Amino acid sequence: HTREDREELIRLGSWGGGLGYEWRIDVASSLIKGWPKSLETKKICFESLEQRKQSQLENEIALRILLEGYPQDEDVARYCINEIMHERFPFILLHHDGWILLARNFKDHPQIVASIDEWIVKQEHNEPEVAYAALVGRTPIAKVKLLSLLDSSFLFWPAQALLDGWGMKDPEVAENLLQISKGLLNYFKTLVVSVLTS
């Protein structure tokens, strides 16, 4: 846990570090665990994201460290709000992990939740991202959006988010999911009968 150790990890996680893709998470988790909530590491991560390819850390590693290592941190929250409000695909560097980490480490953060509510109503054909984003605040707006997505071809994502965020104790969620289940059951019954009689 020396300064030299941290500098070596940052070097390995840099654009020129030559580290294999499969080791990126290990660099991030080592910096988080070895120097928890370090102001210097946070500063390096923000500088890396601002400078892009001239950065000390690869952008993906820097973003993961911020979202995972600084829960409810206001500087990171401001970055997230800006990402949600101004980027076409927020947290795309981490794919779905960005939203998962946000839901885990910034749950119910008022400003982030408000920005997600504004973002979520505009989304089309982004079922996985919407499903994970909805779990940050579990707001009525998010629930309405998820319920509307139950008509899509990818109903697994909104259905799972509704179960995780609200559960079957919520009357509206229970009614919609039971209706879908009955519809699927009837479909398979008809399919089996059709196969057996053909």
Protein backbone atom coordinates (compact mmCIF):
# COMPACT_ATOMS: atom_id res chain seq x y z
CA HIS A 1 0.00 0.00 0.00
CA THR A 2 2.87 2.37 -0.74
CA ARG A 3 2.82 5.35 -3.05
CA GLU A 4 4.99 3.33 -5.45
CA ASP A 5 2.41 0.53 -5.47
CA ARG A 6 -0.34 2.93 -6.42
CA GLU A 7 1.77 4.55 -9.12
CA GLU A 8 2.47 1.12 -10.58
CA LEU A 9 -1.23 0.24 -10.63
CA ILE A 10 -2.00 3.55 -12.35
CA ARG A 11 0.74 2.84 -14.88
CA LEU A 12 -0.73 -0.63 -15.56
CA GLY A 13 -4.18 0.91 -15.96
CA SER A 14 -3.00 3.64 -18.34
CA TRP A 15 -3.49 3.68 -22.10
CA GLY A 16 0.13 2.70 -22.64
CA GLY A 17 0.27 0.16 -19.81
CA GLY A 18 -0.25 -2.80 -22.15
CA LEU A 19 -2.48 -4.58 -19.65
CA GLY A 20 -4.90 -7.19 -21.02
CA TYR A 21 -8.58 -6.24 -21.10
CA GLU A 22 -9.46 -8.97 -18.59
CA TRP A 23 -7.30 -7.30 -15.90
CA ARG A 24 -8.98 -3.88 -15.96
CA ILE A 25 -11.45 -4.66 -13.19
CA ASP A 26 -8.57 -5.90 -11.03
CA VAL A 27 -6.70 -2.61 -11.42
CA ALA A 28 -9.82 -0.68 -10.43
CA SER A 29 -10.65 -2.90 -7.44
CA SER A 30 -7.02 -2.83 -6.23
CA LEU A 31 -6.97 0.97 -6.25
CA ILE A 32 -10.35 1.08 -4.48
CA LYS A 33 -9.40 -1.42 -1.78
CA GLY A 34 -5.80 -0.33 -1.35
CA TRP A 35 -6.48 3.40 -1.06
CA PRO A 36 -10.18 3.73 -0.14
CA LYS A 37 -11.81 7.07 -0.97
CA SER A 38 -8.41 8.58 -1.80
CA LEU A 39 -8.73 12.22 -2.89
CA GLU A 40 -5.65 11.84 -5.06
CA THR A 41 -7.04 8.81 -6.87
CA LYS A 42 -10.36 10.61 -7.37
CA LYS A 43 -8.52 13.59 -8.87
CA ILE A 44 -6.60 11.31 -11.26
CA CYS A 45 -9.86 9.62 -12.33
CA PHE A 46 -11.56 12.93 -13.15
CA GLU A 47 -8.48 14.17 -15.01
CA SER A 48 -8.41 10.91 -16.98
CA LEU A 49 -12.04 11.27 -18.03
CA GLU A 50 -11.54 14.92 -19.05
CA GLN A 51 -8.33 14.41 -21.02
CA ARG A 52 -9.49 11.26 -22.82
CA LYS A 53 -6.57 9.45 -24.53
CA GLN A 54 -3.84 11.55 -22.94
CA SER A 55 -5.05 10.39 -19.54
CA GLN A 56 -3.22 8.59 -16.76
CA LEU A 57 -5.90 5.89 -16.51
CA GLU A 58 -8.01 4.35 -19.22
CA ASN A 59 -11.46 5.93 -19.16
CA GLU A 60 -13.24 2.69 -18.35
CA ILE A 61 -11.06 2.07 -15.30
CA ALA A 62 -11.37 5.68 -14.10
CA LEU A 63 -15.17 5.61 -14.37
CA ARG A 64 -15.44 2.27 -12.58
CA ILE A 65 -13.30 3.56 -9.70
CA LEU A 66 -15.49 6.65 -9.29
CA LEU A 67 -18.81 4.79 -9.38
CA GLU A 68 -17.69 1.92 -7.18
CA GLY A 69 -15.18 3.54 -4.85
CA TYR A 70 -16.93 6.81 -3.94
CA PRO A 71 -20.53 6.00 -2.96
CA GLN A 72 -22.78 9.05 -2.51
CA ASP A 73 -19.79 11.34 -3.23
CA GLU A 74 -21.06 14.73 -4.41
CA ASP A 75 -18.29 15.30 -6.96
CA VAL A 76 -19.03 11.94 -8.56
CA ALA A 77 -22.78 12.64 -8.35
CA ARG A 78 -22.31 15.87 -10.32
CA TYR A 79 -20.36 13.96 -12.96
CA CYS A 80 -23.15 11.36 -13.17
CA ILE A 81 -25.88 13.98 -13.50
CA ASN A 82 -23.98 15.65 -16.34
CA GLU A 83 -23.52 12.26 -18.03
CA ILE A 84 -27.23 11.42 -17.74
CA MET A 85 -28.44 14.84 -18.91
CA HIS A 86 -26.01 15.46 -21.77
CA GLU A 87 -24.71 12.16 -23.14
CA ARG A 88 -26.70 10.18 -25.68
CA PHE A 89 -25.56 6.91 -24.08
CA PRO A 90 -24.65 7.54 -20.43
CA PHE A 91 -21.94 5.34 -18.90
CA ILE A 92 -21.40 3.55 -22.22
CA LEU A 93 -17.78 2.87 -21.25
CA LEU A 94 -19.00 0.33 -18.68
CA HIS A 95 -21.97 -0.96 -20.68
CA HIS A 96 -24.61 -2.11 -18.15
CA ASP A 97 -22.16 -2.07 -15.22
CA GLY A 98 -22.35 1.73 -15.06
CA TRP A 99 -26.06 1.70 -14.25
CA ILE A 100 -25.66 -1.28 -11.91
CA LEU A 101 -22.95 0.53 -9.92
CA LEU A 102 -25.04 3.69 -9.87
CA ALA A 103 -28.03 1.80 -8.43
CA ARG A 104 -25.80 0.15 -5.84
CA ASN A 105 -23.75 3.16 -4.72
CA PHE A 106 -25.97 6.18 -5.40
CA LYS A 107 -29.38 4.77 -4.52
CA ASP A 108 -31.92 7.48 -3.72
CA HIS A 109 -29.46 10.33 -4.35
CA PRO A 110 -32.03 13.13 -4.91
CA GLN A 111 -30.37 14.96 -7.82
CA ILE A 112 -29.35 11.78 -9.62
CA VAL A 113 -32.85 10.33 -9.22
CA ALA A 114 -34.39 13.55 -10.59
CA SER A 115 -32.09 13.48 -13.62
CA ILE A 116 -32.95 9.83 -14.27
CA ASP A 117 -36.68 10.59 -14.09
CA GLU A 118 -36.18 13.25 -16.75
CA TRP A 119 -34.00 10.94 -18.88
CA ILE A 120 -36.06 7.77 -18.56
CA VAL A 121 -39.27 9.08 -20.13
CA LYS A 122 -37.39 9.93 -23.34
CA GLN A 123 -35.90 6.47 -23.83
CA GLU A 124 -36.93 4.11 -26.60
CA HIS A 125 -35.46 0.66 -27.32
CA ASN A 126 -33.06 0.83 -24.35
CA GLU A 127 -34.75 -1.77 -22.15
CA PRO A 128 -31.65 -2.96 -20.22
CA GLU A 129 -30.41 0.56 -19.46
CA VAL A 130 -33.88 1.75 -18.43
CA ALA A 131 -34.34 -1.31 -16.21
CA TYR A 132 -31.10 -0.70 -14.30
CA ALA A 133 -31.59 3.08 -14.17
CA ALA A 134 -35.08 2.65 -12.67
CA LEU A 135 -33.57 0.89 -9.65
CA VAL A 136 -31.61 3.98 -8.56
CA GLY A 137 -34.71 5.79 -7.29
CA ARG A 138 -37.60 3.38 -7.86
CA THR A 139 -39.86 6.37 -8.50
CA PRO A 140 -43.44 6.40 -9.82
CA ILE A 141 -42.12 7.79 -13.13
CA ALA A 142 -39.66 4.91 -13.43
CA LYS A 143 -42.39 2.37 -12.60
CA VAL A 144 -44.72 3.77 -15.26
CA LYS A 145 -41.93 3.54 -17.83
CA LEU A 146 -41.14 -0.07 -16.90
CA LEU A 147 -44.81 -1.05 -17.04
CA SER A 148 -45.05 0.46 -20.53
CA LEU A 149 -42.08 -1.65 -21.63
CA LEU A 150 -43.84 -4.89 -20.72
CA ASP A 151 -45.38 -4.69 -24.21
CA SER A 152 -41.93 -4.80 -25.83
CA SER A 153 -40.18 -7.84 -27.29
CA PHE A 154 -37.64 -7.74 -24.46
CA LEU A 155 -39.99 -7.88 -21.49
CA PHE A 156 -37.44 -9.73 -19.33
CA TRP A 157 -35.62 -6.46 -18.49
CA PRO A 158 -38.59 -4.40 -17.27
CA ALA A 159 -40.18 -7.42 -15.56
CA GLN A 160 -37.01 -8.17 -13.60
CA ALA A 161 -36.59 -4.50 -12.61
CA LEU A 162 -40.19 -4.33 -11.41
CA LEU A 163 -39.65 -7.43 -9.28
CA ASP A 164 -36.35 -6.15 -7.89
CA GLY A 165 -37.51 -2.59 -7.27
CA TRP A 166 -41.16 -3.01 -6.27
CA GLY A 167 -41.93 -6.72 -5.95
CA MET A 168 -45.24 -8.56 -6.09
CA LYS A 169 -46.49 -6.71 -3.01
CA ASP A 170 -47.06 -3.72 -5.28
CA PRO A 171 -50.64 -4.21 -6.62
CA GLU A 172 -49.95 -2.64 -10.01
CA VAL A 173 -46.80 -4.67 -10.58
CA ALA A 174 -48.49 -7.89 -9.45
CA GLU A 175 -51.51 -7.33 -11.70
CA ASN A 176 -49.40 -6.68 -14.81
CA LEU A 177 -46.96 -9.53 -14.26
CA LEU A 178 -49.70 -12.04 -13.43
CA GLN A 179 -51.56 -11.01 -16.58
CA ILE A 180 -48.43 -11.62 -18.67
CA SER A 181 -47.84 -14.97 -16.95
CA LYS A 182 -51.42 -16.11 -17.71
CA GLY A 183 -51.02 -15.04 -21.32
CA LEU A 184 -47.78 -17.00 -21.68
CA LEU A 185 -49.31 -20.04 -19.98
CA ASN A 186 -52.30 -20.02 -22.36
CA TYR A 187 -49.95 -19.63 -25.33
CA PHE A 188 -47.89 -22.68 -24.31
CA LYS A 189 -51.00 -24.73 -23.60
CA THR A 190 -52.27 -23.98 -27.10
CA LEU A 191 -48.86 -24.78 -28.55
CA VAL A 192 -48.68 -28.16 -26.78
CA VAL A 193 -52.19 -29.10 -27.86
CA SER A 194 -51.36 -28.10 -31.43
CA VAL A 195 -48.20 -30.26 -31.43
CA LEU A 196 -49.95 -33.28 -29.89
CA THR A 197 -52.88 -33.18 -32.33
CA SER A 198 -50.87 -32.57 -35.49
